[in-house]
N, C-alpha and C. Protein backbone atom coordinates (compact mmCIF):
# COMPACT_ATOMS: atom_id res chain seq x y z
N MET A 1 1.62 -32.70 13.98
CA MET A 1 2.08 -31.43 14.59
C MET A 1 1.41 -30.26 13.87
N VAL A 2 0.81 -29.36 14.64
CA VAL A 2 0.12 -28.21 14.06
C VAL A 2 1.13 -27.15 13.65
N ALA A 3 1.02 -26.67 12.41
CA ALA A 3 1.95 -25.66 11.93
C ALA A 3 1.67 -24.32 12.63
N THR A 4 2.75 -23.59 12.89
CA THR A 4 2.61 -22.28 13.51
C THR A 4 1.92 -21.33 12.55
N GLN A 5 0.89 -20.65 13.05
CA GLN A 5 0.17 -19.69 12.21
C GLN A 5 0.94 -18.37 12.19
N LYS A 6 1.18 -17.87 10.98
CA LYS A 6 1.93 -16.63 10.85
C LYS A 6 1.02 -15.42 11.05
N LEU A 7 1.50 -14.47 11.82
CA LEU A 7 0.79 -13.21 11.97
C LEU A 7 1.15 -12.32 10.78
N ASP A 8 0.15 -11.90 10.04
CA ASP A 8 0.35 -10.99 8.91
C ASP A 8 -0.19 -9.62 9.33
N LEU A 9 0.73 -8.70 9.64
CA LEU A 9 0.31 -7.38 10.11
C LEU A 9 -0.56 -6.65 9.10
N THR A 10 -0.27 -6.85 7.81
CA THR A 10 -1.03 -6.18 6.76
C THR A 10 -2.51 -6.54 6.84
N LYS A 11 -2.80 -7.80 7.14
CA LYS A 11 -4.19 -8.25 7.25
C LYS A 11 -4.77 -7.98 8.64
N HIS A 12 -3.91 -8.05 9.65
CA HIS A 12 -4.37 -7.91 11.04
C HIS A 12 -4.64 -6.46 11.41
N TYR A 13 -3.92 -5.54 10.76
CA TYR A 13 -4.08 -4.11 11.04
C TYR A 13 -4.38 -3.34 9.75
N PRO A 14 -5.54 -3.60 9.12
CA PRO A 14 -5.85 -2.94 7.84
C PRO A 14 -5.91 -1.42 7.94
N GLU A 15 -6.25 -0.91 9.14
CA GLU A 15 -6.33 0.55 9.30
C GLU A 15 -4.96 1.20 9.15
N TYR A 16 -3.91 0.43 9.36
CA TYR A 16 -2.55 0.95 9.24
C TYR A 16 -2.02 0.82 7.83
N TYR A 17 -2.39 -0.26 7.15
CA TYR A 17 -1.82 -0.58 5.85
C TYR A 17 -2.76 -0.33 4.67
N LYS A 18 -3.87 0.37 4.91
CA LYS A 18 -4.78 0.69 3.81
C LYS A 18 -5.03 2.19 3.77
N ALA A 19 -5.20 2.73 2.56
CA ALA A 19 -5.51 4.14 2.38
C ALA A 19 -6.30 4.29 1.10
N LYS A 20 -6.97 5.42 0.96
CA LYS A 20 -7.74 5.73 -0.24
C LYS A 20 -7.03 6.83 -1.02
N GLU A 21 -7.38 6.94 -2.30
CA GLU A 21 -6.80 8.02 -3.10
C GLU A 21 -7.30 9.38 -2.62
N LYS A 22 -8.44 9.39 -1.96
CA LYS A 22 -8.96 10.61 -1.35
C LYS A 22 -8.32 10.77 0.03
N PRO A 23 -7.76 11.96 0.35
CA PRO A 23 -7.12 12.16 1.65
C PRO A 23 -8.08 11.88 2.81
N GLN A 24 -7.53 11.39 3.90
CA GLN A 24 -8.34 11.10 5.07
C GLN A 24 -7.52 11.31 6.34
N LEU A 25 -8.24 11.53 7.46
CA LEU A 25 -7.61 11.64 8.77
C LEU A 25 -7.59 10.27 9.42
N VAL A 26 -6.49 9.94 10.07
CA VAL A 26 -6.34 8.66 10.77
C VAL A 26 -5.59 8.94 12.08
N SER A 27 -5.59 7.99 12.99
CA SER A 27 -4.88 8.17 14.25
C SER A 27 -4.26 6.84 14.66
N PHE A 28 -3.02 6.91 15.16
CA PHE A 28 -2.27 5.69 15.46
C PHE A 28 -1.65 5.74 16.85
N GLU A 29 -1.59 4.56 17.46
CA GLU A 29 -0.93 4.40 18.75
C GLU A 29 0.59 4.30 18.52
N PRO A 30 1.38 4.32 19.58
CA PRO A 30 2.82 4.07 19.42
C PRO A 30 3.05 2.61 19.00
N TYR A 31 3.98 2.40 18.08
CA TYR A 31 4.33 1.06 17.63
C TYR A 31 5.85 0.91 17.64
N ASN A 32 6.31 -0.33 17.75
CA ASN A 32 7.75 -0.61 17.71
C ASN A 32 8.20 -0.94 16.28
N TYR A 33 9.39 -0.47 15.95
CA TYR A 33 9.96 -0.68 14.62
C TYR A 33 11.43 -1.03 14.74
N ILE A 34 11.95 -1.69 13.71
CA ILE A 34 13.39 -1.74 13.53
C ILE A 34 13.71 -0.75 12.42
N THR A 35 14.77 0.03 12.61
CA THR A 35 15.06 1.11 11.67
C THR A 35 16.54 1.19 11.35
N ILE A 36 16.83 1.86 10.23
CA ILE A 36 18.19 2.21 9.87
C ILE A 36 18.12 3.57 9.17
N SER A 37 19.04 4.46 9.48
CA SER A 37 18.98 5.83 8.97
C SER A 37 20.25 6.21 8.23
N GLY A 38 20.11 7.21 7.34
CA GLY A 38 21.27 7.68 6.60
C GLY A 38 20.94 8.90 5.77
N VAL A 39 21.92 9.33 5.01
CA VAL A 39 21.77 10.47 4.10
C VAL A 39 22.34 10.08 2.75
N SER A 40 21.50 10.02 1.73
CA SER A 40 21.95 9.65 0.38
C SER A 40 20.77 9.69 -0.56
N ALA A 41 21.05 9.59 -1.85
CA ALA A 41 20.00 9.37 -2.84
C ALA A 41 19.49 7.94 -2.70
N PRO A 42 18.22 7.69 -3.00
CA PRO A 42 17.69 6.33 -2.86
C PRO A 42 18.33 5.32 -3.81
N GLU A 43 19.00 5.82 -4.87
CA GLU A 43 19.67 4.89 -5.79
C GLU A 43 21.13 4.66 -5.40
N ALA A 44 21.60 5.29 -4.34
CA ALA A 44 23.00 5.17 -3.94
C ALA A 44 23.29 3.79 -3.35
N PRO A 45 24.52 3.29 -3.55
CA PRO A 45 24.88 1.97 -3.01
C PRO A 45 24.66 1.87 -1.50
N ILE A 46 24.97 2.93 -0.74
CA ILE A 46 24.81 2.87 0.71
C ILE A 46 23.35 2.67 1.11
N PHE A 47 22.43 3.21 0.32
CA PHE A 47 21.01 3.03 0.61
C PHE A 47 20.62 1.58 0.38
N MET A 48 21.04 1.01 -0.74
CA MET A 48 20.70 -0.38 -1.04
C MET A 48 21.33 -1.33 -0.03
N GLU A 49 22.55 -1.04 0.39
CA GLU A 49 23.22 -1.87 1.40
C GLU A 49 22.47 -1.80 2.73
N SER A 50 21.98 -0.61 3.06
CA SER A 50 21.22 -0.44 4.31
C SER A 50 19.93 -1.25 4.28
N LEU A 51 19.26 -1.27 3.12
CA LEU A 51 18.04 -2.07 2.97
C LEU A 51 18.34 -3.55 3.21
N GLU A 52 19.42 -4.03 2.64
CA GLU A 52 19.79 -5.44 2.79
C GLU A 52 20.03 -5.79 4.26
N LYS A 53 20.68 -4.88 4.99
CA LYS A 53 20.96 -5.13 6.40
C LYS A 53 19.69 -5.11 7.23
N LEU A 54 18.77 -4.19 6.91
CA LEU A 54 17.52 -4.13 7.64
C LEU A 54 16.66 -5.36 7.36
N TYR A 55 16.63 -5.79 6.11
CA TYR A 55 15.91 -7.02 5.76
C TYR A 55 16.50 -8.22 6.51
N ALA A 56 17.82 -8.26 6.58
CA ALA A 56 18.48 -9.37 7.29
C ALA A 56 18.06 -9.40 8.75
N LEU A 57 17.98 -8.22 9.37
CA LEU A 57 17.55 -8.16 10.77
C LEU A 57 16.08 -8.55 10.91
N ALA A 58 15.24 -8.09 9.98
CA ALA A 58 13.81 -8.44 10.03
C ALA A 58 13.62 -9.96 9.98
N TYR A 59 14.35 -10.60 9.07
CA TYR A 59 14.22 -12.06 8.97
C TYR A 59 14.89 -12.76 10.14
N GLY A 60 15.94 -12.16 10.69
CA GLY A 60 16.57 -12.73 11.88
C GLY A 60 15.61 -12.74 13.05
N ILE A 61 14.87 -11.63 13.22
CA ILE A 61 13.88 -11.56 14.29
C ILE A 61 12.74 -12.54 14.02
N LYS A 62 12.33 -12.63 12.78
CA LYS A 62 11.26 -13.57 12.40
C LYS A 62 11.63 -15.00 12.79
N PHE A 63 12.86 -15.42 12.47
CA PHE A 63 13.29 -16.80 12.76
C PHE A 63 13.47 -17.01 14.26
N THR A 64 13.90 -15.97 14.98
CA THR A 64 14.01 -16.06 16.43
C THR A 64 12.63 -16.30 17.04
N CYS A 65 11.64 -15.57 16.55
CA CYS A 65 10.28 -15.72 17.06
C CYS A 65 9.67 -17.05 16.64
N LYS A 66 9.95 -17.45 15.41
CA LYS A 66 9.39 -18.72 14.91
C LYS A 66 9.85 -19.90 15.76
N ALA A 67 11.07 -19.81 16.25
CA ALA A 67 11.60 -20.88 17.12
C ALA A 67 10.81 -20.97 18.42
N ASN A 68 10.13 -19.89 18.77
CA ASN A 68 9.29 -19.86 19.98
C ASN A 68 7.80 -19.90 19.64
N ASP A 69 7.50 -20.43 18.44
CA ASP A 69 6.11 -20.60 17.97
C ASP A 69 5.36 -19.28 17.85
N LEU A 70 6.08 -18.22 17.49
CA LEU A 70 5.45 -16.91 17.26
C LEU A 70 5.93 -16.38 15.91
N ASP A 71 5.47 -17.01 14.85
CA ASP A 71 5.93 -16.64 13.51
C ASP A 71 5.13 -15.45 12.98
N PHE A 72 5.75 -14.70 12.07
CA PHE A 72 5.05 -13.58 11.44
C PHE A 72 5.60 -13.35 10.04
N VAL A 73 4.77 -12.73 9.21
CA VAL A 73 5.18 -12.35 7.87
C VAL A 73 5.93 -11.02 7.99
N VAL A 74 7.13 -10.94 7.39
CA VAL A 74 7.86 -9.68 7.41
C VAL A 74 6.99 -8.63 6.73
N PRO A 75 6.64 -7.54 7.42
CA PRO A 75 5.66 -6.59 6.89
C PRO A 75 6.21 -5.68 5.80
N LYS A 76 5.36 -4.78 5.34
CA LYS A 76 5.74 -3.84 4.28
C LYS A 76 6.83 -2.88 4.77
N MET A 77 7.76 -2.58 3.88
CA MET A 77 8.80 -1.62 4.21
C MET A 77 8.22 -0.22 4.25
N GLU A 78 8.76 0.62 5.14
CA GLU A 78 8.32 2.01 5.27
C GLU A 78 9.53 2.92 5.32
N GLY A 79 9.29 4.21 5.13
CA GLY A 79 10.40 5.14 5.22
C GLY A 79 9.95 6.55 5.55
N PHE A 80 10.73 7.22 6.37
CA PHE A 80 10.60 8.66 6.59
C PHE A 80 11.65 9.35 5.73
N TRP A 81 11.27 10.46 5.10
CA TRP A 81 12.18 11.22 4.25
C TRP A 81 12.10 12.69 4.63
N TRP A 82 13.26 13.36 4.68
CA TRP A 82 13.28 14.80 5.00
C TRP A 82 14.60 15.41 4.56
N VAL A 83 14.64 16.73 4.60
CA VAL A 83 15.88 17.45 4.27
C VAL A 83 16.15 18.46 5.38
N GLU A 84 17.40 18.83 5.52
CA GLU A 84 17.80 19.85 6.49
C GLU A 84 17.94 21.18 5.76
N GLY A 85 17.71 22.28 6.46
CA GLY A 85 17.84 23.59 5.84
C GLY A 85 16.52 24.12 5.33
N ASP A 86 16.58 25.24 4.63
CA ASP A 86 15.37 25.94 4.20
C ASP A 86 14.89 25.56 2.80
N ALA A 87 15.73 24.91 2.03
CA ALA A 87 15.35 24.57 0.65
C ALA A 87 14.27 23.50 0.64
N PRO A 88 13.27 23.60 -0.26
CA PRO A 88 12.24 22.56 -0.36
C PRO A 88 12.86 21.21 -0.74
N PHE A 89 12.15 20.16 -0.40
CA PHE A 89 12.64 18.80 -0.66
C PHE A 89 13.02 18.62 -2.13
N GLU A 90 12.13 19.06 -3.03
CA GLU A 90 12.34 18.82 -4.46
C GLU A 90 13.50 19.64 -5.02
N GLU A 91 13.94 20.66 -4.28
CA GLU A 91 15.07 21.47 -4.75
C GLU A 91 16.38 21.08 -4.08
N THR A 92 16.32 20.12 -3.17
CA THR A 92 17.52 19.66 -2.47
C THR A 92 18.17 18.52 -3.25
N PRO A 93 19.47 18.55 -3.47
CA PRO A 93 20.14 17.45 -4.18
C PRO A 93 19.82 16.10 -3.55
N ARG A 94 19.58 15.12 -4.38
CA ARG A 94 19.18 13.80 -3.90
C ARG A 94 20.21 13.21 -2.92
N ASN A 95 21.47 13.52 -3.13
CA ASN A 95 22.51 13.00 -2.24
C ASN A 95 22.40 13.57 -0.83
N ASP A 96 21.61 14.64 -0.66
CA ASP A 96 21.44 15.26 0.65
C ASP A 96 20.12 14.88 1.31
N TRP A 97 19.40 13.93 0.73
CA TRP A 97 18.15 13.48 1.32
C TRP A 97 18.43 12.65 2.57
N HIS A 98 17.70 12.95 3.65
CA HIS A 98 17.78 12.15 4.87
C HIS A 98 16.67 11.09 4.83
N TRP A 99 16.96 9.92 5.34
CA TRP A 99 15.96 8.86 5.35
C TRP A 99 16.08 7.97 6.59
N LYS A 100 14.96 7.44 6.97
CA LYS A 100 14.90 6.40 8.00
C LYS A 100 14.00 5.30 7.45
N ILE A 101 14.59 4.16 7.12
CA ILE A 101 13.84 3.02 6.58
C ILE A 101 13.50 2.09 7.74
N MET A 102 12.30 1.52 7.71
CA MET A 102 11.88 0.75 8.88
C MET A 102 10.84 -0.32 8.56
N PHE A 103 10.72 -1.26 9.48
CA PHE A 103 9.68 -2.28 9.46
C PHE A 103 8.97 -2.25 10.81
N ARG A 104 7.65 -2.18 10.78
CA ARG A 104 6.89 -2.30 12.02
C ARG A 104 7.01 -3.72 12.54
N MET A 105 7.11 -3.88 13.86
CA MET A 105 7.25 -5.19 14.47
C MET A 105 5.96 -5.59 15.19
N PRO A 106 5.66 -6.89 15.24
CA PRO A 106 4.49 -7.35 16.01
C PRO A 106 4.65 -6.99 17.48
N ASP A 107 3.54 -6.98 18.21
CA ASP A 107 3.56 -6.63 19.63
C ASP A 107 4.41 -7.60 20.45
N PHE A 108 4.54 -8.84 19.98
CA PHE A 108 5.31 -9.81 20.77
C PHE A 108 6.83 -9.71 20.54
N VAL A 109 7.25 -8.79 19.70
CA VAL A 109 8.68 -8.57 19.48
C VAL A 109 9.14 -7.41 20.36
N GLY A 110 10.12 -7.69 21.20
CA GLY A 110 10.68 -6.65 22.07
C GLY A 110 12.18 -6.56 21.88
N LYS A 111 12.82 -5.86 22.78
CA LYS A 111 14.27 -5.67 22.67
C LYS A 111 15.04 -6.98 22.84
N THR A 112 14.45 -7.93 23.56
CA THR A 112 15.12 -9.23 23.74
C THR A 112 15.28 -9.95 22.41
N GLU A 113 14.19 -10.01 21.63
CA GLU A 113 14.24 -10.67 20.32
C GLU A 113 15.14 -9.90 19.35
N TYR A 114 15.07 -8.58 19.42
CA TYR A 114 15.92 -7.73 18.58
C TYR A 114 17.40 -7.99 18.87
N LYS A 115 17.76 -7.98 20.14
CA LYS A 115 19.16 -8.17 20.53
C LYS A 115 19.66 -9.57 20.16
N GLU A 116 18.81 -10.58 20.32
CA GLU A 116 19.20 -11.95 19.99
C GLU A 116 19.46 -12.08 18.48
N ALA A 117 18.57 -11.53 17.67
CA ALA A 117 18.74 -11.60 16.22
C ALA A 117 19.95 -10.79 15.77
N LEU A 118 20.13 -9.61 16.36
CA LEU A 118 21.26 -8.75 16.02
C LEU A 118 22.58 -9.45 16.35
N ALA A 119 22.66 -10.05 17.53
CA ALA A 119 23.87 -10.75 17.93
C ALA A 119 24.20 -11.90 16.98
N GLY A 120 23.15 -12.61 16.54
CA GLY A 120 23.36 -13.72 15.61
C GLY A 120 23.91 -13.26 14.28
N LEU A 121 23.41 -12.14 13.77
CA LEU A 121 23.89 -11.61 12.49
C LEU A 121 25.31 -11.07 12.61
N ILE A 122 25.62 -10.46 13.75
CA ILE A 122 26.98 -9.95 13.97
C ILE A 122 27.95 -11.12 14.05
N ALA A 123 27.54 -12.19 14.73
CA ALA A 123 28.40 -13.37 14.86
C ALA A 123 28.69 -13.99 13.50
N LYS A 124 27.71 -13.93 12.59
CA LYS A 124 27.89 -14.48 11.24
C LYS A 124 28.55 -13.47 10.29
N GLN A 125 28.87 -12.29 10.85
CA GLN A 125 29.52 -11.21 10.09
C GLN A 125 28.67 -10.73 8.91
N LYS A 126 27.34 -10.82 9.07
CA LYS A 126 26.44 -10.30 8.04
C LYS A 126 26.16 -8.81 8.24
N ILE A 127 26.31 -8.36 9.48
CA ILE A 127 26.22 -6.94 9.80
C ILE A 127 27.25 -6.65 10.88
N SER A 128 27.44 -5.37 11.18
CA SER A 128 28.35 -5.01 12.27
C SER A 128 27.62 -4.11 13.26
N GLU A 129 28.19 -3.93 14.43
CA GLU A 129 27.59 -3.09 15.46
C GLU A 129 27.52 -1.63 15.01
N LYS A 130 28.32 -1.26 14.01
CA LYS A 130 28.38 0.13 13.55
C LYS A 130 27.34 0.45 12.48
N ASP A 131 26.52 -0.53 12.09
CA ASP A 131 25.57 -0.31 11.01
C ASP A 131 24.38 0.55 11.41
N GLY A 132 24.19 0.73 12.70
CA GLY A 132 23.13 1.63 13.15
C GLY A 132 21.73 1.06 13.06
N LEU A 133 21.59 -0.25 13.24
CA LEU A 133 20.27 -0.87 13.25
C LEU A 133 19.65 -0.68 14.62
N VAL A 134 18.46 -0.09 14.66
CA VAL A 134 17.86 0.34 15.93
C VAL A 134 16.48 -0.27 16.11
N PHE A 135 16.15 -0.57 17.36
CA PHE A 135 14.79 -0.97 17.75
C PHE A 135 14.20 0.23 18.49
N GLU A 136 13.12 0.81 17.97
CA GLU A 136 12.61 2.03 18.57
C GLU A 136 11.09 2.14 18.44
N GLU A 137 10.53 2.97 19.31
CA GLU A 137 9.10 3.26 19.27
C GLU A 137 8.87 4.54 18.48
N VAL A 138 7.86 4.50 17.61
CA VAL A 138 7.47 5.69 16.84
C VAL A 138 5.98 5.93 17.10
N HIS A 139 5.65 7.16 17.42
CA HIS A 139 4.26 7.50 17.69
C HIS A 139 3.87 8.70 16.82
N GLU A 140 3.11 8.46 15.77
CA GLU A 140 2.66 9.54 14.90
C GLU A 140 1.35 10.16 15.36
N GLY A 141 0.50 9.40 16.04
CA GLY A 141 -0.76 9.95 16.52
C GLY A 141 -1.67 10.37 15.38
N LEU A 142 -2.30 11.54 15.52
CA LEU A 142 -3.20 12.04 14.48
C LEU A 142 -2.41 12.31 13.21
N SER A 143 -2.90 11.77 12.09
CA SER A 143 -2.19 11.89 10.82
C SER A 143 -3.17 12.08 9.67
N ALA A 144 -2.62 12.53 8.54
CA ALA A 144 -3.39 12.61 7.29
C ALA A 144 -2.66 11.75 6.27
N GLN A 145 -3.42 11.06 5.42
CA GLN A 145 -2.80 10.15 4.46
C GLN A 145 -3.63 10.04 3.20
N LEU A 146 -2.99 9.50 2.17
CA LEU A 146 -3.70 9.09 0.96
C LEU A 146 -2.88 8.00 0.26
N LEU A 147 -3.51 7.36 -0.72
CA LEU A 147 -2.84 6.33 -1.51
C LEU A 147 -2.33 6.96 -2.79
N HIS A 148 -1.03 6.83 -3.03
CA HIS A 148 -0.43 7.32 -4.28
C HIS A 148 -0.25 6.15 -5.23
N LEU A 149 -0.69 6.32 -6.47
CA LEU A 149 -0.52 5.30 -7.50
C LEU A 149 0.53 5.78 -8.50
N GLY A 150 1.52 4.93 -8.76
CA GLY A 150 2.52 5.28 -9.75
C GLY A 150 3.92 5.43 -9.18
N SER A 151 4.78 6.04 -9.97
CA SER A 151 6.19 6.19 -9.65
C SER A 151 6.42 6.98 -8.36
N TYR A 152 7.49 6.62 -7.65
CA TYR A 152 7.89 7.36 -6.46
C TYR A 152 8.33 8.78 -6.84
N ASP A 153 8.84 8.94 -8.06
CA ASP A 153 9.34 10.24 -8.51
C ASP A 153 8.24 11.14 -9.07
N ASN A 154 7.01 10.65 -9.04
CA ASN A 154 5.90 11.42 -9.61
C ASN A 154 4.78 11.60 -8.57
N GLU A 155 5.18 12.05 -7.39
CA GLU A 155 4.23 12.19 -6.28
C GLU A 155 3.66 13.61 -6.15
N THR A 156 4.10 14.52 -7.01
CA THR A 156 3.73 15.94 -6.85
C THR A 156 2.23 16.16 -6.72
N ALA A 157 1.44 15.59 -7.63
CA ALA A 157 0.00 15.80 -7.60
C ALA A 157 -0.62 15.24 -6.32
N SER A 158 -0.15 14.08 -5.90
CA SER A 158 -0.66 13.47 -4.66
C SER A 158 -0.30 14.32 -3.45
N LEU A 159 0.93 14.83 -3.44
CA LEU A 159 1.36 15.67 -2.32
C LEU A 159 0.57 16.97 -2.25
N GLU A 160 0.32 17.58 -3.41
CA GLU A 160 -0.46 18.81 -3.43
C GLU A 160 -1.87 18.56 -2.90
N LYS A 161 -2.44 17.44 -3.29
CA LYS A 161 -3.78 17.08 -2.82
C LYS A 161 -3.80 16.89 -1.31
N LEU A 162 -2.78 16.20 -0.78
CA LEU A 162 -2.72 15.92 0.65
C LEU A 162 -2.45 17.19 1.45
N HIS A 163 -1.52 18.02 0.98
CA HIS A 163 -1.21 19.27 1.68
C HIS A 163 -2.42 20.20 1.70
N SER A 164 -3.15 20.27 0.59
CA SER A 164 -4.35 21.12 0.52
C SER A 164 -5.40 20.63 1.51
N PHE A 165 -5.55 19.33 1.62
CA PHE A 165 -6.50 18.73 2.56
C PHE A 165 -6.13 19.09 4.00
N ILE A 166 -4.84 18.96 4.34
CA ILE A 166 -4.38 19.27 5.69
C ILE A 166 -4.67 20.73 6.03
N ASN A 167 -4.37 21.63 5.10
CA ASN A 167 -4.62 23.06 5.33
C ASN A 167 -6.11 23.36 5.44
N ARG A 168 -6.89 22.73 4.57
CA ARG A 168 -8.33 22.97 4.53
C ARG A 168 -9.01 22.51 5.83
N GLU A 169 -8.47 21.44 6.42
CA GLU A 169 -9.04 20.91 7.65
C GLU A 169 -8.55 21.66 8.89
N GLY A 170 -7.65 22.63 8.68
CA GLY A 170 -7.19 23.46 9.79
C GLY A 170 -6.01 22.90 10.57
N PHE A 171 -5.28 21.98 9.95
CA PHE A 171 -4.13 21.37 10.61
C PHE A 171 -2.83 21.85 9.96
N GLU A 172 -1.72 21.48 10.58
CA GLU A 172 -0.41 21.70 9.99
C GLU A 172 0.43 20.44 10.15
N ILE A 173 1.38 20.27 9.26
CA ILE A 173 2.22 19.08 9.30
C ILE A 173 3.14 19.13 10.52
N ALA A 174 3.20 18.02 11.25
CA ALA A 174 3.99 17.96 12.48
C ALA A 174 5.01 16.82 12.45
N GLY A 175 5.21 16.24 11.29
CA GLY A 175 6.16 15.13 11.19
C GLY A 175 6.76 15.06 9.79
N ASN A 176 7.67 14.13 9.60
CA ASN A 176 8.33 13.97 8.30
C ASN A 176 7.45 13.21 7.31
N HIS A 177 7.79 13.37 6.05
CA HIS A 177 7.14 12.65 4.95
C HIS A 177 7.31 11.15 5.18
N HIS A 178 6.18 10.43 5.28
CA HIS A 178 6.19 9.01 5.61
C HIS A 178 5.58 8.23 4.45
N GLU A 179 6.31 7.24 3.98
CA GLU A 179 5.82 6.37 2.90
C GLU A 179 5.77 4.93 3.36
N ILE A 180 4.70 4.23 2.97
CA ILE A 180 4.57 2.79 3.21
C ILE A 180 4.47 2.14 1.84
N TYR A 181 5.39 1.25 1.54
CA TYR A 181 5.51 0.68 0.19
C TYR A 181 4.70 -0.62 0.11
N LEU A 182 3.49 -0.50 -0.45
CA LEU A 182 2.59 -1.65 -0.54
C LEU A 182 2.97 -2.59 -1.67
N SER A 183 3.72 -2.08 -2.66
CA SER A 183 4.09 -2.87 -3.83
C SER A 183 5.60 -3.12 -3.84
N ASP A 184 6.00 -4.22 -4.44
CA ASP A 184 7.41 -4.53 -4.64
C ASP A 184 7.81 -4.04 -6.02
N PRO A 185 8.66 -3.00 -6.12
CA PRO A 185 9.02 -2.44 -7.44
C PRO A 185 9.75 -3.43 -8.34
N ARG A 186 10.23 -4.54 -7.77
CA ARG A 186 10.89 -5.57 -8.58
C ARG A 186 9.87 -6.43 -9.30
N LYS A 187 8.61 -6.39 -8.84
CA LYS A 187 7.59 -7.28 -9.39
C LYS A 187 6.40 -6.53 -10.01
N VAL A 188 6.31 -5.23 -9.73
CA VAL A 188 5.15 -4.45 -10.17
C VAL A 188 5.60 -3.33 -11.11
N ALA A 189 4.86 -3.14 -12.21
CA ALA A 189 5.18 -2.06 -13.15
C ALA A 189 5.11 -0.72 -12.42
N GLU A 190 5.97 0.22 -12.85
CA GLU A 190 6.08 1.51 -12.17
C GLU A 190 4.75 2.23 -12.06
N ASP A 191 3.94 2.19 -13.11
CA ASP A 191 2.66 2.91 -13.09
C ASP A 191 1.60 2.21 -12.23
N LYS A 192 1.91 1.01 -11.73
CA LYS A 192 0.98 0.26 -10.90
C LYS A 192 1.39 0.25 -9.43
N LEU A 193 2.50 0.89 -9.11
CA LEU A 193 2.98 0.91 -7.73
C LEU A 193 1.98 1.58 -6.80
N LYS A 194 1.82 1.04 -5.60
CA LYS A 194 0.92 1.61 -4.59
C LYS A 194 1.73 1.99 -3.36
N THR A 195 1.60 3.27 -2.96
CA THR A 195 2.35 3.78 -1.82
C THR A 195 1.44 4.64 -0.96
N ILE A 196 1.41 4.37 0.33
CA ILE A 196 0.69 5.25 1.25
C ILE A 196 1.62 6.41 1.61
N ILE A 197 1.11 7.63 1.46
CA ILE A 197 1.84 8.82 1.90
C ILE A 197 1.12 9.36 3.13
N ARG A 198 1.88 9.54 4.21
CA ARG A 198 1.28 9.90 5.49
C ARG A 198 2.10 10.99 6.19
N TYR A 199 1.40 11.89 6.87
CA TYR A 199 2.06 12.93 7.68
C TYR A 199 1.39 12.99 9.06
N ALA A 200 2.18 13.02 10.11
CA ALA A 200 1.63 13.37 11.42
C ALA A 200 1.24 14.85 11.36
N ILE A 201 0.11 15.18 11.98
CA ILE A 201 -0.40 16.57 11.93
C ILE A 201 -0.79 17.02 13.33
N ARG A 202 -1.01 18.34 13.43
CA ARG A 202 -1.50 18.90 14.70
C ARG A 202 -2.40 20.10 14.41
């Protein structure tokens, strides 16, 4: 029996999951994601609980697809971050940070697979209908990005470089701060972490 070949989005779509330390312009089509949103500091229990629920759904969808000979590697975690009001992000209390954590889904994953996996997890009481796990399309289109090396809390220099690039090229930011976490902080030293920082622009 031939083993099912896993689709690895990171390898299949390098233009999405790779960036350089030098800012660059990129453009993306609409893609489907599973997401969960909230307001809290990233170290807050509710944030960690939300991650666990989103991971559970990602693996639930993976196993649903694998049963139909369409297996895939759960891709890199991503997140949108923003604040409400006029205060800059860095001056806003961490407990007031808004976030949307997400995983991009393969093209063969639709609402049918999402609903089947969600129903299975609810039946096992691993999540509830009130957890706010969503299947949605996100379209960033034209964007600017760079690769940030190091701690998540030490992005200032990278952000200044990216913002200067966007202004210099004659664009303005048209979306929220987007991060793609290429490294697992549980396995990689803080100074070796790799994160793509991306903004939709116009």
